[in-house]
């Protein structure tokens, strides 16, 4: 069993209205030092496979988890997750 951590973020060229709203709220609360906020997604998967795990994770991300037109993704694989 492996645990996979997937991080999905908007591409730099894509406007992030949710991030702008959070930045505005932070400024309203007095956190003027915050210059920019980008909101993303974090997903954890447990995969019971040893074969071609990178190919499988890429396929899952590109077909389901991330919209690769506007989002980037990266992932980390943790070895030896206890069952």
N, C-alpha and C. Protein backbone atom coordinates (compact mmCIF):
# COMPACT_ATOMS: atom_id res chain seq x y z
N UNK A 1 0.86 -1.18 0.00
CA UNK A 1 0.00 0.00 0.00
C UNK A 1 0.90 1.23 0.00
N UNK A 2 0.57 2.18 -0.85
CA UNK A 2 1.31 3.44 -0.93
C UNK A 2 0.34 4.59 -0.75
N UNK A 3 0.81 5.63 -0.09
CA UNK A 3 0.02 6.84 0.04
C UNK A 3 0.57 7.84 -0.96
N UNK A 4 -0.33 8.46 -1.72
CA UNK A 4 0.05 9.45 -2.71
C UNK A 4 -0.58 10.78 -2.32
N UNK A 5 0.23 11.82 -2.29
CA UNK A 5 -0.25 13.18 -2.01
C UNK A 5 -0.20 13.96 -3.31
N UNK A 6 -1.37 14.46 -3.73
CA UNK A 6 -1.48 15.19 -4.99
C UNK A 6 -1.78 16.66 -4.68
N UNK A 7 -1.00 17.55 -5.29
CA UNK A 7 -1.17 18.99 -5.13
C UNK A 7 -1.57 19.57 -6.48
N UNK A 8 -2.70 20.28 -6.52
CA UNK A 8 -3.19 20.85 -7.76
C UNK A 8 -3.30 22.37 -7.58
N UNK A 9 -2.70 23.11 -8.50
CA UNK A 9 -2.73 24.57 -8.44
C UNK A 9 -3.08 25.14 -9.80
N UNK A 10 -3.66 26.34 -9.77
CA UNK A 10 -3.94 27.02 -11.03
C UNK A 10 -2.63 27.45 -11.68
N UNK A 11 -2.58 27.41 -12.99
CA UNK A 11 -1.41 27.93 -13.70
C UNK A 11 -1.28 29.42 -13.42
N UNK A 12 -0.05 29.91 -13.44
CA UNK A 12 0.21 31.32 -13.12
C UNK A 12 -0.59 32.28 -14.00
N UNK A 13 -0.84 31.91 -15.24
CA UNK A 13 -1.53 32.79 -16.17
C UNK A 13 -3.05 32.83 -15.95
N UNK A 14 -3.56 32.00 -15.05
CA UNK A 14 -5.01 31.90 -14.82
C UNK A 14 -5.40 32.75 -13.61
N UNK A 15 -6.41 33.58 -13.80
CA UNK A 15 -6.93 34.40 -12.72
C UNK A 15 -7.51 33.51 -11.62
N UNK A 16 -7.26 33.87 -10.35
CA UNK A 16 -7.74 33.10 -9.22
C UNK A 16 -8.68 33.97 -8.38
N UNK A 17 -9.98 34.04 -8.74
CA UNK A 17 -10.91 34.90 -8.00
C UNK A 17 -11.07 34.50 -6.54
N UNK A 18 -11.00 33.21 -6.24
CA UNK A 18 -11.10 32.76 -4.85
C UNK A 18 -9.89 33.25 -4.05
N UNK A 19 -8.72 33.16 -4.64
CA UNK A 19 -7.51 33.66 -3.99
C UNK A 19 -7.58 35.17 -3.78
N UNK A 20 -8.11 35.89 -4.76
CA UNK A 20 -8.26 37.34 -4.62
C UNK A 20 -9.22 37.69 -3.49
N UNK A 21 -10.30 36.93 -3.36
CA UNK A 21 -11.26 37.18 -2.29
C UNK A 21 -10.62 36.94 -0.92
N UNK A 22 -9.83 35.88 -0.80
CA UNK A 22 -9.15 35.60 0.47
C UNK A 22 -8.12 36.68 0.77
N UNK A 23 -7.39 37.12 -0.25
CA UNK A 23 -6.41 38.20 -0.05
C UNK A 23 -7.12 39.47 0.41
N UNK A 24 -8.26 39.78 -0.19
CA UNK A 24 -9.04 40.96 0.23
C UNK A 24 -9.49 40.86 1.67
N UNK A 25 -9.92 39.67 2.09
CA UNK A 25 -10.34 39.46 3.48
C UNK A 25 -9.15 39.62 4.42
N UNK A 26 -8.00 39.12 4.03
CA UNK A 26 -6.80 39.27 4.87
C UNK A 26 -6.43 40.74 5.03
N UNK A 27 -6.52 41.50 3.93
CA UNK A 27 -6.23 42.93 4.00
C UNK A 27 -7.23 43.62 4.92
N UNK A 28 -8.50 43.23 4.81
CA UNK A 28 -9.54 43.81 5.66
C UNK A 28 -9.28 43.54 7.14
N UNK A 29 -8.67 42.38 7.43
CA UNK A 29 -8.35 42.01 8.80
C UNK A 29 -7.02 42.60 9.28
N UNK A 30 -6.37 43.36 8.41
CA UNK A 30 -5.14 44.04 8.82
C UNK A 30 -3.85 43.37 8.40
N UNK A 31 -3.93 42.33 7.61
CA UNK A 31 -2.72 41.64 7.14
C UNK A 31 -2.28 42.21 5.80
N UNK A 32 -1.83 43.46 5.83
CA UNK A 32 -1.45 44.16 4.61
C UNK A 32 -0.20 43.57 3.95
N UNK A 33 0.61 42.84 4.73
CA UNK A 33 1.85 42.27 4.19
C UNK A 33 1.58 41.12 3.21
N UNK A 34 0.37 40.58 3.20
CA UNK A 34 0.02 39.52 2.25
C UNK A 34 -0.22 40.16 0.90
N UNK A 35 0.60 39.81 -0.07
CA UNK A 35 0.53 40.44 -1.39
C UNK A 35 -0.29 39.64 -2.40
N UNK A 36 -0.32 38.32 -2.26
CA UNK A 36 -1.05 37.51 -3.23
C UNK A 36 -1.44 36.19 -2.56
N UNK A 37 -2.57 35.66 -2.95
CA UNK A 37 -3.04 34.36 -2.46
C UNK A 37 -3.49 33.55 -3.67
N UNK A 38 -3.05 32.30 -3.73
CA UNK A 38 -3.49 31.37 -4.76
C UNK A 38 -4.08 30.17 -4.03
N UNK A 39 -5.26 29.76 -4.42
CA UNK A 39 -5.95 28.63 -3.79
C UNK A 39 -5.76 27.39 -4.66
N UNK A 40 -5.49 26.25 -4.02
CA UNK A 40 -5.32 25.00 -4.75
C UNK A 40 -6.07 23.88 -4.07
N UNK A 41 -5.77 22.66 -4.50
CA UNK A 41 -6.40 21.48 -3.94
C UNK A 41 -5.32 20.51 -3.46
N UNK A 42 -5.61 19.80 -2.39
CA UNK A 42 -4.73 18.77 -1.87
C UNK A 42 -5.55 17.50 -1.74
N UNK A 43 -5.06 16.42 -2.32
CA UNK A 43 -5.80 15.15 -2.33
C UNK A 43 -4.85 14.03 -1.91
N UNK A 44 -5.30 13.16 -1.01
CA UNK A 44 -4.53 11.99 -0.62
C UNK A 44 -5.19 10.74 -1.17
N UNK A 45 -4.38 9.88 -1.74
CA UNK A 45 -4.85 8.61 -2.27
C UNK A 45 -4.08 7.47 -1.61
N UNK A 46 -4.73 6.36 -1.38
CA UNK A 46 -4.03 5.14 -0.99
C UNK A 46 -4.18 4.17 -2.15
N UNK A 47 -3.05 3.71 -2.64
CA UNK A 47 -3.05 2.85 -3.83
C UNK A 47 -2.41 1.52 -3.48
N UNK A 48 -3.12 0.46 -3.78
CA UNK A 48 -2.64 -0.89 -3.54
C UNK A 48 -2.10 -1.45 -4.84
N UNK A 49 -0.95 -0.93 -5.25
CA UNK A 49 -0.35 -1.35 -6.51
C UNK A 49 1.14 -1.10 -6.45
N UNK A 50 1.89 -1.96 -7.04
CA UNK A 50 3.34 -1.79 -7.10
C UNK A 50 3.79 -1.54 -8.54
N UNK A 51 2.94 -1.83 -9.49
CA UNK A 51 3.33 -1.77 -10.89
C UNK A 51 2.92 -0.45 -11.53
N UNK A 52 3.85 0.17 -12.22
CA UNK A 52 3.61 1.37 -13.02
C UNK A 52 2.81 2.42 -12.25
N UNK A 53 3.17 2.63 -10.99
CA UNK A 53 2.38 3.54 -10.16
C UNK A 53 2.44 4.97 -10.68
N UNK A 54 3.60 5.40 -11.19
CA UNK A 54 3.69 6.76 -11.73
C UNK A 54 2.73 6.96 -12.91
N UNK A 55 2.68 5.97 -13.79
CA UNK A 55 1.77 6.06 -14.95
C UNK A 55 0.32 6.12 -14.49
N UNK A 56 -0.02 5.32 -13.48
CA UNK A 56 -1.39 5.30 -12.97
C UNK A 56 -1.77 6.63 -12.32
N UNK A 57 -0.86 7.18 -11.54
CA UNK A 57 -1.15 8.45 -10.87
C UNK A 57 -1.30 9.56 -11.90
N UNK A 58 -0.40 9.61 -12.88
CA UNK A 58 -0.52 10.63 -13.93
C UNK A 58 -1.86 10.51 -14.66
N UNK A 59 -2.27 9.30 -14.97
CA UNK A 59 -3.55 9.09 -15.67
C UNK A 59 -4.72 9.56 -14.80
N UNK A 60 -4.69 9.23 -13.51
CA UNK A 60 -5.77 9.66 -12.60
C UNK A 60 -5.82 11.18 -12.55
N UNK A 61 -4.67 11.81 -12.41
CA UNK A 61 -4.63 13.28 -12.33
C UNK A 61 -5.14 13.92 -13.62
N UNK A 62 -4.67 13.43 -14.75
CA UNK A 62 -5.01 14.06 -16.02
C UNK A 62 -6.44 13.76 -16.47
N UNK A 63 -6.98 12.60 -16.11
CA UNK A 63 -8.33 12.25 -16.53
C UNK A 63 -9.41 12.71 -15.56
N UNK A 64 -9.06 12.88 -14.27
CA UNK A 64 -10.09 13.12 -13.27
C UNK A 64 -9.80 14.30 -12.33
N UNK A 65 -8.63 14.34 -11.74
CA UNK A 65 -8.39 15.28 -10.65
C UNK A 65 -8.04 16.70 -11.10
N UNK A 66 -7.31 16.84 -12.19
CA UNK A 66 -6.85 18.16 -12.62
C UNK A 66 -7.37 18.49 -14.01
N UNK A 67 -7.71 19.75 -14.20
CA UNK A 67 -8.02 20.26 -15.54
C UNK A 67 -6.72 20.83 -16.07
N UNK A 68 -6.01 20.04 -16.88
CA UNK A 68 -4.66 20.41 -17.29
C UNK A 68 -4.60 21.62 -18.22
N UNK A 69 -5.74 22.10 -18.66
CA UNK A 69 -5.77 23.33 -19.47
C UNK A 69 -5.45 24.52 -18.57
N UNK A 70 -5.96 24.50 -17.33
CA UNK A 70 -5.77 25.65 -16.44
C UNK A 70 -5.04 25.31 -15.14
N UNK A 71 -4.77 24.02 -14.90
CA UNK A 71 -4.15 23.62 -13.64
C UNK A 71 -2.87 22.82 -13.86
N UNK A 72 -1.96 22.97 -12.92
CA UNK A 72 -0.77 22.13 -12.83
C UNK A 72 -0.97 21.15 -11.68
N UNK A 73 -0.30 20.03 -11.73
CA UNK A 73 -0.34 19.11 -10.60
C UNK A 73 1.05 18.55 -10.37
N UNK A 74 1.26 18.13 -9.13
CA UNK A 74 2.46 17.38 -8.76
C UNK A 74 2.04 16.40 -7.68
N UNK A 75 2.85 15.37 -7.49
CA UNK A 75 2.49 14.37 -6.48
C UNK A 75 3.74 13.83 -5.81
N UNK A 76 3.51 13.28 -4.61
CA UNK A 76 4.56 12.63 -3.84
C UNK A 76 4.05 11.24 -3.46
N UNK A 77 4.92 10.26 -3.52
CA UNK A 77 4.57 8.89 -3.16
C UNK A 77 5.28 8.53 -1.86
N UNK A 78 4.51 8.12 -0.86
CA UNK A 78 5.08 7.67 0.41
C UNK A 78 5.18 6.15 0.37
N UNK A 79 6.35 5.67 0.62
CA UNK A 79 6.57 4.22 0.62
C UNK A 79 6.20 3.62 1.97
N UNK A 80 5.81 2.37 1.98
CA UNK A 80 5.63 1.61 3.20
C UNK A 80 4.58 2.14 4.14
N UNK A 81 3.41 2.53 3.62
CA UNK A 81 2.32 2.98 4.47
C UNK A 81 1.73 1.76 5.17
N UNK A 82 1.61 1.79 6.51
CA UNK A 82 1.06 0.63 7.22
C UNK A 82 -0.39 0.38 6.85
N UNK A 83 -0.78 -0.88 6.79
CA UNK A 83 -2.16 -1.23 6.42
C UNK A 83 -3.01 -1.44 7.64
